[in-house]
Amino acid sequence: MEQAKDFKDVTIVLAEDDDGHAELVIETLKEAGIWNEIVRLRDGDEALAFFFGAREREPRYEPGRAYLLLLDIRMPRVNGVQVLDRIKNDEHLQHMPVIMLTTTDDPREVERCYQLGCNNYITKPVAFPAFTEALRRLGLFLLIMKVPRLKT
């Protein structure tokens, strides 16, 4: 499996329905030195459309590129667990790293996400300073992470 040569070559896909959380994630990643392209998707339907196409449109991702998905769990219509399940059961997408971002730390949900194949599970702390610190650490983690290119 071919890896991205440099993390700068990785496109970050952020599936987050809360505009405030999305802005905070993007801003904090940039403050941590992550200047990658970020594609913002507003719900699970948009995430599925991006990776699988929708209503007779082709998917928007590019095979052969490296992607990392930051995936909120609590989203309207299609939740993050459903998106994770679909991605990890697709031969072209299954090796893409998926990091769950959520406000819940229910052990059953955490276990379910890991069983489905998520790479990490980050609970969004309710307190703003703790949330920004968690995101800063995520940024540092991303700098050293190896990300495979998607199958063509």
Protein backbone atom coordinates (compact mmCIF):
# COMPACT_ATOMS: atom_id res chain seq x y z
CA MET A 1 0.00 0.00 0.00
CA GLU A 2 1.58 3.27 -1.11
CA GLN A 3 1.89 5.96 1.58
CA ALA A 4 1.74 9.71 1.06
CA LYS A 5 5.34 10.90 0.85
CA ASP A 6 4.66 13.84 3.12
CA PHE A 7 1.74 14.65 5.39
CA LYS A 8 1.32 17.89 3.40
CA ASP A 9 0.04 15.67 0.56
CA VAL A 10 -2.88 14.48 2.71
CA THR A 11 -6.31 16.04 2.32
CA ILE A 12 -8.21 16.27 5.60
CA VAL A 13 -11.94 15.70 5.29
CA LEU A 14 -13.90 17.11 8.23
CA ALA A 15 -17.47 15.83 8.57
CA GLU A 16 -18.95 18.06 11.30
CA ASP A 17 -22.48 19.49 11.44
CA ASP A 18 -21.74 22.16 14.07
CA ASP A 19 -20.29 25.28 12.39
CA GLY A 20 -18.64 26.47 15.60
CA HIS A 21 -16.94 23.14 16.21
CA ALA A 22 -15.82 22.96 12.57
CA GLU A 23 -14.27 26.44 12.70
CA LEU A 24 -12.55 25.61 15.97
CA VAL A 25 -11.14 22.34 14.58
CA ILE A 26 -9.80 24.06 11.46
CA GLU A 27 -8.34 27.03 13.36
CA THR A 28 -6.69 24.85 16.01
CA LEU A 29 -5.17 22.50 13.42
CA LYS A 30 -3.65 25.51 11.65
CA GLU A 31 -2.29 26.81 14.95
CA ALA A 32 -0.68 23.36 15.43
CA GLY A 33 1.05 23.71 12.03
CA ILE A 34 -1.38 21.66 9.92
CA TRP A 35 -1.88 23.63 6.68
CA ASN A 36 -3.28 20.80 4.60
CA GLU A 37 -6.27 21.21 2.37
CA ILE A 38 -9.39 20.70 4.47
CA VAL A 39 -12.69 19.71 2.89
CA ARG A 40 -15.63 20.52 5.18
CA LEU A 41 -18.72 18.33 4.94
CA ARG A 42 -21.80 19.31 6.95
CA ASP A 43 -23.39 15.93 7.67
CA GLY A 44 -23.25 12.20 7.07
CA ASP A 45 -25.12 12.49 3.78
CA GLU A 46 -22.46 14.87 2.43
CA ALA A 47 -19.74 12.49 3.65
CA LEU A 48 -21.31 9.55 1.84
CA ALA A 49 -21.78 11.65 -1.29
CA PHE A 50 -18.13 12.76 -1.17
CA PHE A 51 -16.82 9.21 -0.98
CA PHE A 52 -19.51 7.22 -2.81
CA GLY A 53 -21.35 9.69 -5.04
CA ALA A 54 -25.00 10.61 -4.79
CA ARG A 55 -27.97 10.89 -7.08
CA GLU A 56 -26.04 9.68 -10.10
CA ARG A 57 -23.07 11.95 -9.45
CA GLU A 58 -19.58 10.58 -9.18
CA PRO A 59 -17.72 10.69 -5.86
CA ARG A 60 -15.66 13.85 -5.27
CA TYR A 61 -12.59 12.19 -3.80
CA GLU A 62 -9.68 11.40 -6.12
CA PRO A 63 -8.42 7.80 -6.17
CA GLY A 64 -4.66 7.70 -5.69
CA ARG A 65 -4.67 10.62 -3.23
CA ALA A 66 -4.27 10.35 0.53
CA TYR A 67 -7.19 11.36 2.75
CA LEU A 68 -7.76 11.44 6.48
CA LEU A 69 -11.33 11.68 7.78
CA LEU A 70 -12.23 13.54 10.98
CA LEU A 71 -15.75 12.29 11.62
CA ASP A 72 -18.32 13.62 14.08
CA ILE A 73 -20.67 10.95 15.38
CA ARG A 74 -23.76 12.99 16.22
CA MET A 75 -24.95 14.30 12.85
CA PRO A 76 -28.45 14.54 11.36
CA ARG A 77 -29.81 12.03 8.81
CA VAL A 78 -26.76 9.75 8.61
CA ASN A 79 -24.60 9.54 11.72
CA GLY A 80 -20.85 9.12 11.87
CA VAL A 81 -21.00 5.46 12.91
CA GLN A 82 -22.98 4.67 9.75
CA VAL A 83 -20.44 6.57 7.63
CA LEU A 84 -17.55 4.75 9.35
CA ASP A 85 -19.19 1.37 8.74
CA ARG A 86 -19.69 2.09 5.05
CA ILE A 87 -16.12 3.36 4.56
CA LYS A 88 -14.46 0.47 6.38
CA ASN A 89 -16.46 -2.02 4.29
CA ASP A 90 -15.37 -0.52 0.97
CA GLU A 91 -12.29 -2.06 -0.67
CA HIS A 92 -11.09 1.33 -1.99
CA LEU A 93 -11.56 3.30 1.24
CA GLN A 94 -11.04 0.78 4.04
CA HIS A 95 -7.43 1.80 4.76
CA MET A 96 -8.19 5.51 5.00
CA PRO A 97 -7.56 6.69 8.58
CA VAL A 98 -10.75 7.76 10.37
CA ILE A 99 -10.65 9.70 13.61
CA MET A 100 -13.95 10.00 15.45
CA LEU A 101 -14.72 13.37 17.07
CA THR A 102 -17.65 13.33 19.46
CA THR A 103 -19.13 14.72 22.64
CA THR A 104 -19.98 11.27 24.01
CA ASP A 105 -17.67 8.92 25.84
CA ASP A 106 -20.18 6.08 26.12
CA PRO A 107 -17.94 2.98 26.34
CA ARG A 108 -20.30 0.97 24.09
CA GLU A 109 -20.08 3.59 21.35
CA VAL A 110 -16.31 3.86 21.69
CA GLU A 111 -16.00 0.07 21.44
CA ARG A 112 -18.36 -0.04 18.43
CA CYS A 113 -16.27 2.55 16.55
CA TYR A 114 -13.05 0.64 17.22
CA GLN A 115 -14.72 -2.62 16.16
CA LEU A 116 -15.72 -0.97 12.88
CA GLY A 117 -12.13 0.14 12.31
CA CYS A 118 -11.72 3.74 13.44
CA ASN A 119 -8.11 4.70 14.07
CA ASN A 120 -8.73 6.98 17.02
CA TYR A 121 -11.63 8.28 19.09
CA ILE A 122 -11.43 11.78 20.52
CA THR A 123 -14.04 13.03 22.94
CA LYS A 124 -14.78 16.73 22.55
CA PRO A 125 -14.47 18.16 26.06
CA VAL A 126 -17.27 20.52 27.00
CA ALA A 127 -14.80 23.11 28.35
CA PHE A 128 -13.31 25.28 25.58
CA PRO A 129 -9.66 25.15 26.81
CA ALA A 130 -9.77 21.36 27.09
CA PHE A 131 -11.30 21.07 23.60
CA THR A 132 -8.61 23.26 22.03
CA GLU A 133 -5.89 21.29 23.85
CA ALA A 134 -7.33 18.00 22.53
CA LEU A 135 -7.33 19.44 19.00
CA ARG A 136 -3.78 20.77 19.37
CA ARG A 137 -2.65 17.27 20.36
CA LEU A 138 -4.55 15.88 17.38
CA GLY A 139 -2.59 18.27 15.15
CA LEU A 140 0.71 17.02 16.55
CA PHE A 141 -0.45 13.42 16.10
CA LEU A 142 -1.34 14.11 12.47
CA LEU A 143 2.15 15.44 11.77
CA ILE A 144 3.67 12.01 12.46
CA MET A 145 0.88 9.80 11.10
CA LYS A 146 1.40 7.70 7.98
CA VAL A 147 -1.56 7.97 5.61
CA PRO A 148 -2.05 5.58 2.69
CA ARG A 149 -3.19 6.69 -0.73
CA LEU A 150 -6.66 5.45 -1.68
CA LYS A 151 -6.88 2.60 -4.16
CA THR A 152 -7.54 3.44 -7.75
